[in-house]
Amino acid sequence: MLDVGCSMLDVGAPALMTSFYKRSNFVTHLPVDCLYSPSHFWLARVEGDRWRIGFTKFATRMLGEIVEVQWEKAESAAVAGGEIIGSIEGFKAISDIYCVADGRFAGSNPALREQIELVGEDPYGAGWLYLIDGQPDAKCVDLAGYRALLDATIDRILEKQSTEGAE
């Protein structure tokens, strides 16, 4: 059963419907109307074929505090799902940013140049990463699919931790 509540995720934006999620020590509210990628990005339709894309709260937790983001694609460049389009550096890791849609890179979030901390503080609102004009990758799933993916991912992490602790 999905626990759906309403939460304000961006100042000045309309309230988004969210679903409460908790597994082990990880707790978040997931936007109901987004699609989600297996690499822990969310995709929200802006209008028409334009999609706003950002890291999920799970991804930001794995990265730790974000210190820098860099882009390899120019605005209007053709992109494909799975293609590396940039990188992000956190205190815990440096990670490639993969495209999760096919189409054209429509730009990055200009606010991140001065306020990179928004990625971690407001990942589903002001901390979005980039825009794409096109279609989401076929691997993207709805909320129920992402909850199942999170369950499996967190269970693997817990299993690995318990195995390492037993050695």
Foldseek 3Di string as FASTA:
>chain_A
DWAKDWDCQAVPDDIFIWTWDDDDHDTDTHGQQWWAALLAKTWDDPDDQKIFIFGHLVVCVQQAQWDDKFFDDDFFDWFAFQDFGIWTHGPNDIGTDTDFFGATWHFFQPVCVPPVRCCNVRVPYSNTTTMGRGGGHPRIGGPVVVSVSVNVVVVVVVVVVVVVVVD
